Amino acid sequence: METIYLGGYTREDNKGIHALNLDTTAGKLAGESLIIEENNPTYLTLSADGKHLFTLSDGDEPGLAHYELVDGNFTFKDRTKVFNENGCYVTYDEENHVVIMLITKKVN
């Protein structure tokens, strides 16, 4: 079994980041559950050890949210406001311990 994490716009029934189990032998998804309530977590990345999850989200303070896996559950650690709107990409550089984010902006 593998775990897949999904984020997306929080409209209607979606409240944040969900985990699904992927049975790689059968090729089927199962066991969907909401693991983190977060406003519009459209991009996320997980550290290689699976202990840190970073997501770009928006709301009152768009930016980067950091969650840490503690006793089997992701716990909110901190949020950093970076831009006035949500970014469009996030990744974690394990070697340098740096989070890299991108934002697109129309320039007139």
PDB file of N, CA and C in Angstrom:
ATOM      1  N   MET A   1       0.831  -1.189   0.000  1.00  0.00           N
ATOM      2  CA  MET A   1       0.000   0.000   0.000  1.00  0.00           C
ATOM      3  C   MET A   1       0.875   1.251   0.000  1.00  0.00           C
ATOM      4  N   GLU A   2       0.473   2.209  -0.776  1.00  0.00           N
ATOM      5  CA  GLU A   2       1.113   3.519  -0.830  1.00  0.00           C
ATOM      6  C   GLU A   2       0.071   4.552  -0.418  1.00  0.00           C
ATOM      7  N   THR A   3       0.520   5.665   0.150  1.00  0.00           N
ATOM      8  CA  THR A   3      -0.395   6.746   0.496  1.00  0.00           C
ATOM      9  C   THR A   3      -0.214   7.880  -0.488  1.00  0.00           C
ATOM     10  N   ILE A   4      -1.328   8.398  -0.979  1.00  0.00           N
ATOM     11  CA  ILE A   4      -1.344   9.531  -1.894  1.00  0.00           C
ATOM     12  C   ILE A   4      -2.030  10.685  -1.171  1.00  0.00           C
ATOM     13  N   TYR A   5      -1.445  11.872  -1.244  1.00  0.00           N
ATOM     14  CA  TYR A   5      -2.034  13.058  -0.630  1.00  0.00           C
ATOM     15  C   TYR A   5      -2.585  13.956  -1.722  1.00  0.00           C
ATOM     16  N   LEU A   6      -3.806  14.426  -1.535  1.00  0.00           N
ATOM     17  CA  LEU A   6      -4.471  15.276  -2.520  1.00  0.00           C
ATOM     18  C   LEU A   6      -4.931  16.575  -1.885  1.00  0.00           C
ATOM     19  N   GLY A   7      -4.686  17.663  -2.561  1.00  0.00           N
ATOM     20  CA  GLY A   7      -5.199  18.968  -2.157  1.00  0.00           C
ATOM     21  C   GLY A   7      -6.049  19.493  -3.291  1.00  0.00           C
ATOM     22  N   GLY A   8      -6.691  20.610  -3.080  1.00  0.00           N
ATOM     23  CA  GLY A   8      -7.503  21.205  -4.131  1.00  0.00           C
ATOM     24  C   GLY A   8      -8.307  22.362  -3.581  1.00  0.00           C
ATOM     25  N   TYR A   9      -9.093  22.949  -4.440  1.00  0.00           N
ATOM     26  CA  TYR A   9      -9.918  24.067  -4.007  1.00  0.00           C
ATOM     27  C   TYR A   9     -10.969  23.593  -3.019  1.00  0.00           C
ATOM     28  N   THR A  10     -11.163  24.352  -1.957  1.00  0.00           N
ATOM     29  CA  THR A  10     -12.127  23.969  -0.927  1.00  0.00           C
ATOM     30  C   THR A  10     -13.487  24.564  -1.252  1.00  0.00           C
ATOM     31  N   ARG A  11     -14.181  23.879  -2.119  1.00  0.00           N
ATOM     32  CA  ARG A  11     -15.537  24.255  -2.499  1.00  0.00           C
ATOM     33  C   ARG A  11     -16.456  23.106  -2.143  1.00  0.00           C
ATOM     34  N   GLU A  12     -17.673  23.431  -1.840  1.00  0.00           N
ATOM     35  CA  GLU A  12     -18.695  22.441  -1.508  1.00  0.00           C
ATOM     36  C   GLU A  12     -18.223  21.534  -0.375  1.00  0.00           C
ATOM     37  N   ASP A  13     -17.978  20.252  -0.643  1.00  0.00           N
ATOM     38  CA  ASP A  13     -17.645  19.300   0.420  1.00  0.00           C
ATOM     39  C   ASP A  13     -16.157  19.193   0.732  1.00  0.00           C
ATOM     40  N   ASN A  14     -15.309  19.736  -0.104  1.00  0.00           N
ATOM     41  CA  ASN A  14     -13.870  19.622   0.117  1.00  0.00           C
ATOM     42  C   ASN A  14     -13.432  20.593   1.214  1.00  0.00           C
ATOM     43  N   LYS A  15     -12.727  20.093   2.209  1.00  0.00           N
ATOM     44  CA  LYS A  15     -12.291  20.917   3.339  1.00  0.00           C
ATOM     45  C   LYS A  15     -10.773  21.026   3.453  1.00  0.00           C
ATOM     46  N   GLY A  16     -10.013  20.406   2.537  1.00  0.00           N
ATOM     47  CA  GLY A  16      -8.561  20.511   2.663  1.00  0.00           C
ATOM     48  C   GLY A  16      -7.789  19.398   2.003  1.00  0.00           C
ATOM     49  N   ILE A  17      -6.848  18.804   2.735  1.00  0.00           N
ATOM     50  CA  ILE A  17      -5.950  17.780   2.205  1.00  0.00           C
ATOM     51  C   ILE A  17      -6.459  16.398   2.618  1.00  0.00           C
ATOM     52  N   HIS A  18      -6.523  15.514   1.630  1.00  0.00           N
ATOM     53  CA  HIS A  18      -7.032  14.155   1.842  1.00  0.00           C
ATOM     54  C   HIS A  18      -5.925  13.143   1.597  1.00  0.00           C
ATOM     55  N   ALA A  19      -6.011  12.014   2.267  1.00  0.00           N
ATOM     56  CA  ALA A  19      -5.103  10.893   2.042  1.00  0.00           C
ATOM     57  C   ALA A  19      -5.906   9.748   1.447  1.00  0.00           C
ATOM     58  N   LEU A  20      -5.321   9.076   0.479  1.00  0.00           N
ATOM     59  CA  LEU A  20      -5.913   7.882  -0.113  1.00  0.00           C
ATOM     60  C   LEU A  20      -4.877   6.783  -0.084  1.00  0.00           C
ATOM     61  N   ASN A  21      -5.325   5.559   0.029  1.00  0.00           N
ATOM     62  CA  ASN A  21      -4.430   4.407  -0.042  1.00  0.00           C
ATOM     63  C   ASN A  21      -4.480   3.843  -1.445  1.00  0.00           C
ATOM     64  N   LEU A  22      -3.315   3.578  -2.000  1.00  0.00           N
ATOM     65  CA  LEU A  22      -3.214   2.977  -3.319  1.00  0.00           C
ATOM     66  C   LEU A  22      -2.692   1.557  -3.157  1.00  0.00           C
ATOM     67  N   ASP A  23      -3.518   0.605  -3.549  1.00  0.00           N
ATOM     68  CA  ASP A  23      -3.110  -0.794  -3.581  1.00  0.00           C
ATOM     69  C   ASP A  23      -2.391  -0.980  -4.914  1.00  0.00           C
ATOM     70  N   THR A  24      -1.058  -1.022  -4.878  1.00  0.00           N
ATOM     71  CA  THR A  24      -0.272  -1.094  -6.110  1.00  0.00           C
ATOM     72  C   THR A  24      -0.411  -2.440  -6.809  1.00  0.00           C
ATOM     73  N   THR A  25      -0.760  -3.470  -6.080  1.00  0.00           N
ATOM     74  CA  THR A  25      -0.962  -4.784  -6.687  1.00  0.00           C
ATOM     75  C   THR A  25      -2.261  -4.811  -7.485  1.00  0.00           C
ATOM     76  N   ALA A  26      -3.341  -4.355  -6.876  1.00  0.00           N
ATOM     77  CA  ALA A  26      -4.650  -4.361  -7.528  1.00  0.00           C
ATOM     78  C   ALA A  26      -4.863  -3.125  -8.400  1.00  0.00           C
ATOM     79  N   GLY A  27      -4.046  -2.078  -8.181  1.00  0.00           N
ATOM     80  CA  GLY A  27      -4.208  -0.844  -8.942  1.00  0.00           C
ATOM     81  C   GLY A  27      -5.481  -0.096  -8.580  1.00  0.00           C
ATOM     82  N   LYS A  28      -5.856  -0.136  -7.289  1.00  0.00           N
ATOM     83  CA  LYS A  28      -7.097   0.503  -6.861  1.00  0.00           C
ATOM     84  C   LYS A  28      -6.843   1.470  -5.713  1.00  0.00           C
ATOM     85  N   LEU A  29      -7.649   2.547  -5.702  1.00  0.00           N
ATOM     86  CA  LEU A  29      -7.615   3.513  -4.612  1.00  0.00           C
ATOM     87  C   LEU A  29      -8.682   3.168  -3.587  1.00  0.00           C
ATOM     88  N   ALA A  30      -8.372   3.408  -2.325  1.00  0.00           N
ATOM     89  CA  ALA A  30      -9.347   3.136  -1.264  1.00  0.00           C
ATOM     90  C   ALA A  30      -9.006   3.977  -0.041  1.00  0.00           C
ATOM     91  N   GLY A  31      -9.926   4.031   0.904  1.00  0.00           N
ATOM     92  CA  GLY A  31      -9.657   4.627   2.207  1.00  0.00           C
ATOM     93  C   GLY A  31      -9.441   6.119   2.216  1.00  0.00           C
ATOM     94  N   GLU A  32     -10.202   6.878   1.451  1.00  0.00           N
ATOM     95  CA  GLU A  32     -10.054   8.337   1.430  1.00  0.00           C
ATOM     96  C   GLU A  32     -10.449   8.929   2.776  1.00  0.00           C
ATOM     97  N   SER A  33      -9.616   9.870   3.276  1.00  0.00           N
ATOM     98  CA  SER A  33      -9.960  10.557   4.516  1.00  0.00           C
ATOM     99  C   SER A  33      -9.369  11.964   4.516  1.00  0.00           C
ATOM    100  N   LEU A  34     -10.085  12.888   5.136  1.00  0.00           N
ATOM    101  CA  LEU A  34      -9.594  14.245   5.319  1.00  0.00           C
ATOM    102  C   LEU A  34      -8.571  14.214   6.442  1.00  0.00           C
ATOM    103  N   ILE A  35      -7.342  14.665   6.159  1.00  0.00           N
ATOM    104  CA  ILE A  35      -6.299  14.625   7.189  1.00  0.00           C
ATOM    105  C   ILE A  35      -5.913  16.011   7.693  1.00  0.00           C
ATOM    106  N   ILE A  36      -6.147  17.054   6.865  1.00  0.00           N
ATOM    107  CA  ILE A  36      -5.800  18.420   7.254  1.00  0.00           C
ATOM    108  C   ILE A  36      -6.871  19.356   6.724  1.00  0.00           C
ATOM    109  N   GLU A  37      -7.454  20.160   7.595  1.00  0.00           N
ATOM    110  CA  GLU A  37      -8.370  21.209   7.130  1.00  0.00           C
ATOM    111  C   GLU A  37      -7.537  22.429   6.790  1.00  0.00           C
ATOM    112  N   GLU A  38      -7.583  22.829   5.521  1.00  0.00           N
ATOM    113  CA  GLU A  38      -6.762  23.938   5.023  1.00  0.00           C
ATOM    114  C   GLU A  38      -7.528  24.592   3.878  1.00  0.00           C
ATOM    115  N   ASN A  39      -7.484  25.908   3.784  1.00  0.00           N
ATOM    116  CA  ASN A  39      -8.214  26.641   2.757  1.00  0.00           C
ATOM    117  C   ASN A  39      -7.469  26.616   1.417  1.00  0.00           C
ATOM    118  N   ASN A  40      -8.057  25.951   0.434  1.00  0.00           N
ATOM    119  CA  ASN A  40      -7.513  25.872  -0.928  1.00  0.00           C
ATOM    120  C   ASN A  40      -6.053  25.415  -0.988  1.00  0.00           C
ATOM    121  N   PRO A  41      -5.753  24.223  -0.489  1.00  0.00           N
ATOM    122  CA  PRO A  41      -4.374  23.707  -0.567  1.00  0.00           C
ATOM    123  C   PRO A  41      -4.085  23.156  -1.961  1.00  0.00           C
ATOM    124  N   THR A  42      -3.841  24.052  -2.891  1.00  0.00           N
ATOM    125  CA  THR A  42      -3.762  23.661  -4.299  1.00  0.00           C
ATOM    126  C   THR A  42      -2.449  23.001  -4.697  1.00  0.00           C
ATOM    127  N   TYR A  43      -1.375  23.262  -3.973  1.00  0.00           N
ATOM    128  CA  TYR A  43      -0.082  22.633  -4.271  1.00  0.00           C
ATOM    129  C   TYR A  43       0.526  22.168  -2.962  1.00  0.00           C
ATOM    130  N   LEU A  44       1.088  20.970  -2.967  1.00  0.00           N
ATOM    131  CA  LEU A  44       1.716  20.477  -1.751  1.00  0.00           C
ATOM    132  C   LEU A  44       2.910  19.616  -2.079  1.00  0.00           C
ATOM    133  N   THR A  45       3.775  19.461  -1.082  1.00  0.00           N
ATOM    134  CA  THR A  45       4.944  18.595  -1.224  1.00  0.00           C
ATOM    135  C   THR A  45       5.220  17.942   0.126  1.00  0.00           C
ATOM    136  N   LEU A  46       5.776  16.774   0.067  1.00  0.00           N
ATOM    137  CA  LEU A  46       6.069  15.980   1.255  1.00  0.00           C
ATOM    138  C   LEU A  46       7.574  15.754   1.319  1.00  0.00           C
ATOM    139  N   SER A  47       8.160  15.870   2.496  1.00  0.00           N
ATOM    140  CA  SER A  47       9.589  15.589   2.636  1.00  0.00           C
ATOM    141  C   SER A  47       9.835  14.106   2.353  1.00  0.00           C
ATOM    142  N   ALA A  48      11.070  13.764   1.997  1.00  0.00           N
ATOM    143  CA  ALA A  48      11.413  12.386   1.630  1.00  0.00           C
ATOM    144  C   ALA A  48      11.127  11.395   2.763  1.00  0.00           C
ATOM    145  N   ASP A  49      11.281  11.834   4.003  1.00  0.00           N
ATOM    146  CA  ASP A  49      11.006  10.931   5.125  1.00  0.00           C
ATOM    147  C   ASP A  49       9.522  10.888   5.494  1.00  0.00           C
ATOM    148  N   GLY A  50       8.699  11.687   4.803  1.00  0.00           N
ATOM    149  CA  GLY A  50       7.259  11.688   5.033  1.00  0.00           C
ATOM    150  C   GLY A  50       6.822  12.383   6.304  1.00  0.00           C
ATOM    151  N   LYS A  51       7.743  13.082   6.963  1.00  0.00           N
ATOM    152  CA  LYS A  51       7.418  13.704   8.256  1.00  0.00           C
ATOM    153  C   LYS A  51       6.999  15.168   8.158  1.00  0.00           C
ATOM    154  N   HIS A  52       7.230  15.797   7.005  1.00  0.00           N
ATOM    155  CA  HIS A  52       6.883  17.212   6.852  1.00  0.00           C
ATOM    156  C   HIS A  52       6.094  17.402   5.562  1.00  0.00           C
ATOM    157  N   LEU A  53       4.958  18.064   5.682  1.00  0.00           N
ATOM    158  CA  LEU A  53       4.126  18.368   4.541  1.00  0.00           C
ATOM    159  C   LEU A  53       4.016  19.889   4.442  1.00  0.00           C
ATOM    160  N   PHE A  54       4.293  20.418   3.252  1.00  0.00           N
ATOM    161  CA  PHE A  54       4.200  21.850   2.986  1.00  0.00           C
ATOM    162  C   PHE A  54       3.118  22.051   1.943  1.00  0.00           C
ATOM    163  N   THR A  55       2.274  23.066   2.139  1.00  0.00           N
ATOM    164  CA  THR A  55       1.236  23.343   1.154  1.00  0.00           C
ATOM    165  C   THR A  55       1.086  24.833   0.933  1.00  0.00           C
ATOM    166  N   LEU A  56       0.816  25.200  -0.316  1.00  0.00           N
ATOM    167  CA  LEU A  56       0.446  26.572  -0.634  1.00  0.00           C
ATOM    168  C   LEU A  56      -1.059  26.646  -0.492  1.00  0.00           C
ATOM    169  N   SER A  57      -1.524  27.639   0.219  1.00  0.00           N
ATOM    170  CA  SER A  57      -2.957  27.795   0.420  1.00  0.00           C
ATOM    171  C   SER A  57      -3.283  29.275   0.475  1.00  0.00           C
ATOM    172  N   ASP A  58      -4.570  29.577   0.415  1.00  0.00           N
ATOM    173  CA  ASP A  58      -4.945  30.982   0.494  1.00  0.00           C
ATOM    174  C   ASP A  58      -6.026  31.176   1.539  1.00  0.00           C
ATOM    175  N   GLY A  59      -6.589  32.325   1.545  1.00  0.00           N
ATOM    176  CA  GLY A  59      -7.557  32.688   2.573  1.00  0.00           C
ATOM    177  C   GLY A  59      -7.180  34.048   3.100  1.00  0.00           C
ATOM    178  N   ASP A  60      -7.297  34.233   4.411  1.00  0.00           N
ATOM    179  CA  ASP A  60      -6.929  35.521   4.996  1.00  0.00           C
ATOM    180  C   ASP A  60      -5.451  35.835   4.794  1.00  0.00           C
ATOM    181  N   GLU A  61      -4.614  34.812   4.841  1.00  0.00           N
ATOM    182  CA  GLU A  61      -3.171  34.986   4.687  1.00  0.00           C
ATOM    183  C   GLU A  61      -2.627  33.954   3.702  1.00  0.00           C
ATOM    184  N   PRO A  62      -2.649  34.256   2.389  1.00  0.00           N
ATOM    185  CA  PRO A  62      -2.105  33.287   1.437  1.00  0.00           C
ATOM    186  C   PRO A  62      -0.612  33.074   1.679  1.00  0.00           C
ATOM    187  N   GLY A  63      -0.180  31.856   1.497  1.00  0.00           N
ATOM    188  CA  GLY A  63       1.238  31.577   1.688  1.00  0.00           C
ATOM    189  C   GLY A  63       1.517  30.108   1.871  1.00  0.00           C
ATOM    190  N   LEU A  64       2.534  29.810   2.633  1.00  0.00           N
ATOM    191  CA  LEU A  64       3.022  28.456   2.832  1.00  0.00           C
ATOM    192  C   LEU A  64       2.672  27.972   4.235  1.00  0.00           C
ATOM    193  N   ALA A  65       2.000  26.824   4.322  1.00  0.00           N
ATOM    194  CA  ALA A  65       1.701  26.202   5.614  1.00  0.00           C
ATOM    195  C   ALA A  65       2.575  24.965   5.775  1.00  0.00           C
ATOM    196  N   HIS A  66       3.032  24.723   6.999  1.00  0.00           N
ATOM    197  CA  HIS A  66       3.916  23.596   7.306  1.00  0.00           C
ATOM    198  C   HIS A  66       3.242  22.726   8.352  1.00  0.00           C
ATOM    199  N   TYR A  67       3.175  21.424   8.066  1.00  0.00           N
ATOM    200  CA  TYR A  67       2.621  20.434   8.983  1.00  0.00           C
ATOM    201  C   TYR A  67       3.674  19.374   9.251  1.00  0.00           C
ATOM    202  N   GLU A  68       3.689  18.861  10.472  1.00  0.00           N
ATOM    203  CA  GLU A  68       4.638  17.812  10.851  1.00  0.00           C
ATOM    204  C   GLU A  68       3.867  16.576  11.303  1.00  0.00           C
ATOM    205  N   LEU A  69       4.333  15.411  10.895  1.00  0.00           N
ATOM    206  CA  LEU A  69       3.713  14.150  11.283  1.00  0.00           C
ATOM    207  C   LEU A  69       4.121  13.804  12.716  1.00  0.00           C
ATOM    208  N   VAL A  70       3.135  13.791  13.606  1.00  0.00           N
ATOM    209  CA  VAL A  70       3.361  13.484  15.017  1.00  0.00           C
ATOM    210  C   VAL A  70       2.361  12.412  15.428  1.00  0.00           C
ATOM    211  N   ASP A  71       2.852  11.272  15.892  1.00  0.00           N
ATOM    212  CA  ASP A  71       1.989  10.166  16.331  1.00  0.00           C
ATOM    213  C   ASP A  71       0.951   9.776  15.275  1.00  0.00           C
ATOM    214  N   GLY A  72       1.366   9.769  14.008  1.00  0.00           N
ATOM    215  CA  GLY A  72       0.496   9.320  12.931  1.00  0.00           C
ATOM    216  C   GLY A  72      -0.444  10.360  12.364  1.00  0.00           C
ATOM    217  N   ASN A  73      -0.412  11.593  12.884  1.00  0.00           N
ATOM    218  CA  ASN A  73      -1.281  12.668  12.375  1.00  0.00           C
ATOM    219  C   ASN A  73      -0.449  13.896  12.040  1.00  0.00           C
ATOM    220  N   PHE A  74      -0.856  14.607  10.986  1.00  0.00           N
ATOM    221  CA  PHE A  74      -0.169  15.849  10.648  1.00  0.00           C
ATOM    222  C   PHE A  74      -0.660  16.956  11.572  1.00  0.00           C
ATOM    223  N   THR A  75       0.303  17.648  12.192  1.00  0.00           N
ATOM    224  CA  THR A  75       0.029  18.720  13.136  1.00  0.00           C
ATOM    225  C   THR A  75       0.542  20.028  12.565  1.00  0.00           C
ATOM    226  N   PHE A  76      -0.280  21.074  12.644  1.00  0.00           N
ATOM    227  CA  PHE A  76       0.111  22.385  12.138  1.00  0.00           C
ATOM    228  C   PHE A  76       1.327  22.889  12.896  1.00  0.00           C
ATOM    229  N   LYS A  77       2.354  23.351  12.154  1.00  0.00           N
ATOM    230  CA  LYS A  77       3.565  23.910  12.763  1.00  0.00           C
ATOM    231  C   LYS A  77       3.601  25.428  12.607  1.00  0.00           C
ATOM    232  N   ASP A  78       3.468  25.902  11.363  1.00  0.00           N
ATOM    233  CA  ASP A  78       3.492  27.345  11.146  1.00  0.00           C
ATOM    234  C   ASP A  78       3.020  27.704   9.743  1.00  0.00           C
ATOM    235  N   ARG A  79       2.799  28.987   9.560  1.00  0.00           N
ATOM    236  CA  ARG A  79       2.378  29.519   8.260  1.00  0.00           C
ATOM    237  C   ARG A  79       3.190  30.781   7.991  1.00  0.00           C
ATOM    238  N   THR A  80       3.630  30.929   6.752  1.00  0.00           N
ATOM    239  CA  THR A  80       4.391  32.095   6.349  1.00  0.00           C
ATOM    240  C   THR A  80       3.680  32.768   5.200  1.00  0.00           C
ATOM    241  N   LYS A  81       3.302  34.026   5.396  1.00  0.00           N
ATOM    242  CA  LYS A  81       2.707  34.793   4.297  1.00  0.00           C
ATOM    243  C   LYS A  81       3.854  35.206   3.387  1.00  0.00           C
ATOM    244  N   VAL A  82       3.706  34.874   2.109  1.00  0.00           N
ATOM    245  CA  VAL A  82       4.783  35.155   1.176  1.00  0.00           C
ATOM    246  C   VAL A  82       4.349  36.161   0.121  1.00  0.00           C
ATOM    247  N   PHE A  83       3.172  35.965  -0.419  1.00  0.00           N
ATOM    248  CA  PHE A  83       2.664  36.819  -1.482  1.00  0.00           C
ATOM    249  C   PHE A  83       1.260  37.300  -1.108  1.00  0.00           C
ATOM    250  N   ASN A  84       0.704  38.157  -1.930  1.00  0.00           N
ATOM    251  CA  ASN A  84      -0.668  38.613  -1.711  1.00  0.00           C
ATOM    252  C   ASN A  84      -1.683  37.667  -2.314  1.00  0.00           C
ATOM    253  N   GLU A  85      -1.216  36.686  -3.056  1.00  0.00           N
ATOM    254  CA  GLU A  85      -2.097  35.658  -3.597  1.00  0.00           C
ATOM    255  C   GLU A  85      -1.399  34.311  -3.528  1.00  0.00           C
ATOM    256  N   ASN A  86      -2.152  33.263  -3.810  1.00  0.00           N
ATOM    257  CA  ASN A  86      -1.626  31.903  -3.703  1.00  0.00           C
ATOM    258  C   ASN A  86      -0.576  31.642  -4.781  1.00  0.00           C
ATOM    259  N   GLY A  87       0.420  30.835  -4.444  1.00  0.00           N
ATOM    260  CA  GLY A  87       1.452  30.447  -5.396  1.00  0.00           C
ATOM    261  C   GLY A  87       0.969  29.352  -6.329  1.00  0.00           C
ATOM    262  N   CYS A  88       1.853  28.898  -7.222  1.00  0.00           N
ATOM    263  CA  CYS A  88       1.452  27.887  -8.207  1.00  0.00           C
ATOM    264  C   CYS A  88       2.358  26.657  -8.215  1.00  0.00           C
ATOM    265  N   TYR A  89       3.330  26.581  -7.292  1.00  0.00           N
ATOM    266  CA  TYR A  89       4.212  25.414  -7.233  1.00  0.00           C
ATOM    267  C   TYR A  89       4.978  25.455  -5.920  1.00  0.00           C
ATOM    268  N   VAL A  90       5.204  24.282  -5.317  1.00  0.00           N
ATOM    269  CA  VAL A  90       6.022  24.201  -4.114  1.00  0.00           C
ATOM    270  C   VAL A  90       6.776  22.875  -4.124  1.00  0.00           C
ATOM    271  N   THR A  91       8.026  22.913  -3.680  1.00  0.00           N
ATOM    272  CA  THR A  91       8.824  21.707  -3.515  1.00  0.00           C
ATOM    273  C   THR A  91       9.789  21.924  -2.352  1.00  0.00           C
ATOM    274  N   TYR A  92      10.316  20.844  -1.831  1.00  0.00           N
ATOM    275  CA  TYR A  92      11.244  20.919  -0.705  1.00  0.00           C
ATOM    276  C   TYR A  92      12.584  20.350  -1.128  1.00  0.00           C
ATOM    277  N   ASP A  93      13.629  21.160  -1.041  1.00  0.00           N
ATOM    278  CA  ASP A  93      14.996  20.748  -1.367  1.00  0.00           C
ATOM    279  C   ASP A  93      15.593  20.108  -0.120  1.00  0.00           C
ATOM    280  N   GLU A  94      15.656  18.779  -0.115  1.00  0.00           N
ATOM    281  CA  GLU A  94      16.128  18.023   1.056  1.00  0.00           C
ATOM    282  C   GLU A  94      17.580  18.337   1.413  1.00  0.00           C
ATOM    283  N   GLU A  95      18.409  18.452   0.413  1.00  0.00           N
ATOM    284  CA  GLU A  95      19.839  18.655   0.660  1.00  0.00           C
ATOM    285  C   GLU A  95      20.119  19.984   1.343  1.00  0.00           C
ATOM    286  N   ASN A  96      19.426  21.040   0.888  1.00  0.00           N
ATOM    287  CA  ASN A  96      19.683  22.377   1.431  1.00  0.00           C
ATOM    288  C   ASN A  96      18.642  22.829   2.458  1.00  0.00           C
ATOM    289  N   HIS A  97      17.642  21.987   2.713  1.00  0.00           N
ATOM    290  CA  HIS A  97      16.574  22.308   3.669  1.00  0.00           C
ATOM    291  C   HIS A  97      15.900  23.638   3.320  1.00  0.00           C
ATOM    292  N   VAL A  98      15.513  23.752   2.042  1.00  0.00           N
ATOM    293  CA  VAL A  98      14.898  24.973   1.536  1.00  0.00           C
ATOM    294  C   VAL A  98      13.591  24.619   0.846  1.00  0.00           C
ATOM    295  N   VAL A  99      12.549  25.407   1.120  1.00  0.00           N
ATOM    296  CA  VAL A  99      11.286  25.269   0.400  1.00  0.00           C
ATOM    297  C   VAL A  99      11.324  26.240  -0.767  1.00  0.00           C
ATOM    298  N   ILE A 100      10.987  25.732  -1.952  1.00  0.00           N
ATOM    299  CA  ILE A 100      10.991  26.551  -3.161  1.00  0.00           C
ATOM    300  C   ILE A 100       9.552  26.718  -3.617  1.00  0.00           C
ATOM    301  N   MET A 101       9.143  27.976  -3.814  1.00  0.00           N
ATOM    302  CA  MET A 101       7.784  28.272  -4.259  1.00  0.00           C
ATOM    303  C   MET A 101       7.833  29.149  -5.497  1.00  0.00           C
ATOM    304  N   LEU A 102       6.820  29.016  -6.338  1.00  0.00           N
ATOM    305  CA  LEU A 102       6.697  29.863  -7.515  1.00  0.00           C
ATOM    306  C   LEU A 102       5.337  30.535  -7.502  1.00  0.00           C
ATOM    307  N   ILE A 103       5.295  31.698  -8.104  1.00  0.00           N
ATOM    308  CA  ILE A 103       4.030  32.398  -8.292  1.00  0.00           C
ATOM    309  C   ILE A 103       4.062  32.988  -9.699  1.00  0.00           C
ATOM    310  N   THR A 104       2.916  32.978 -10.351  1.00  0.00           N
ATOM    311  CA  THR A 104       2.829  33.603 -11.663  1.00  0.00           C
ATOM    312  C   THR A 104       2.078  34.915 -11.504  1.00  0.00           C
ATOM    313  N   LYS A 105       2.508  35.896 -12.210  1.00  0.00           N
ATOM    314  CA  LYS A 105       1.880  37.197 -12.118  1.00  0.00           C
ATOM    315  C   LYS A 105       1.913  37.836 -13.483  1.00  0.00           C
ATOM    316  N   LYS A 106       0.756  38.350 -13.897  1.00  0.00           N
ATOM    317  CA  LYS A 106       0.670  39.028 -15.174  1.00  0.00           C
ATOM    318  C   LYS A 106       1.324  40.400 -15.045  1.00  0.00           C
ATOM    319  N   VAL A 107       2.235  40.677 -15.943  1.00  0.00           N
ATOM    320  CA  VAL A 107       2.927  41.963 -15.947  1.00  0.00           C
ATOM    321  C   VAL A 107       2.389  42.775 -17.100  1.00  0.00           C
ATOM    322  N   ASN A 108       1.966  43.986 -16.799  1.00  0.00           N
ATOM    323  CA  ASN A 108       1.420  44.867 -17.865  1.00  0.00           C
ATOM    324  C   ASN A 108       2.527  45.591 -18.567  1.00  0.00           C
TER     325      ASN A 108
END
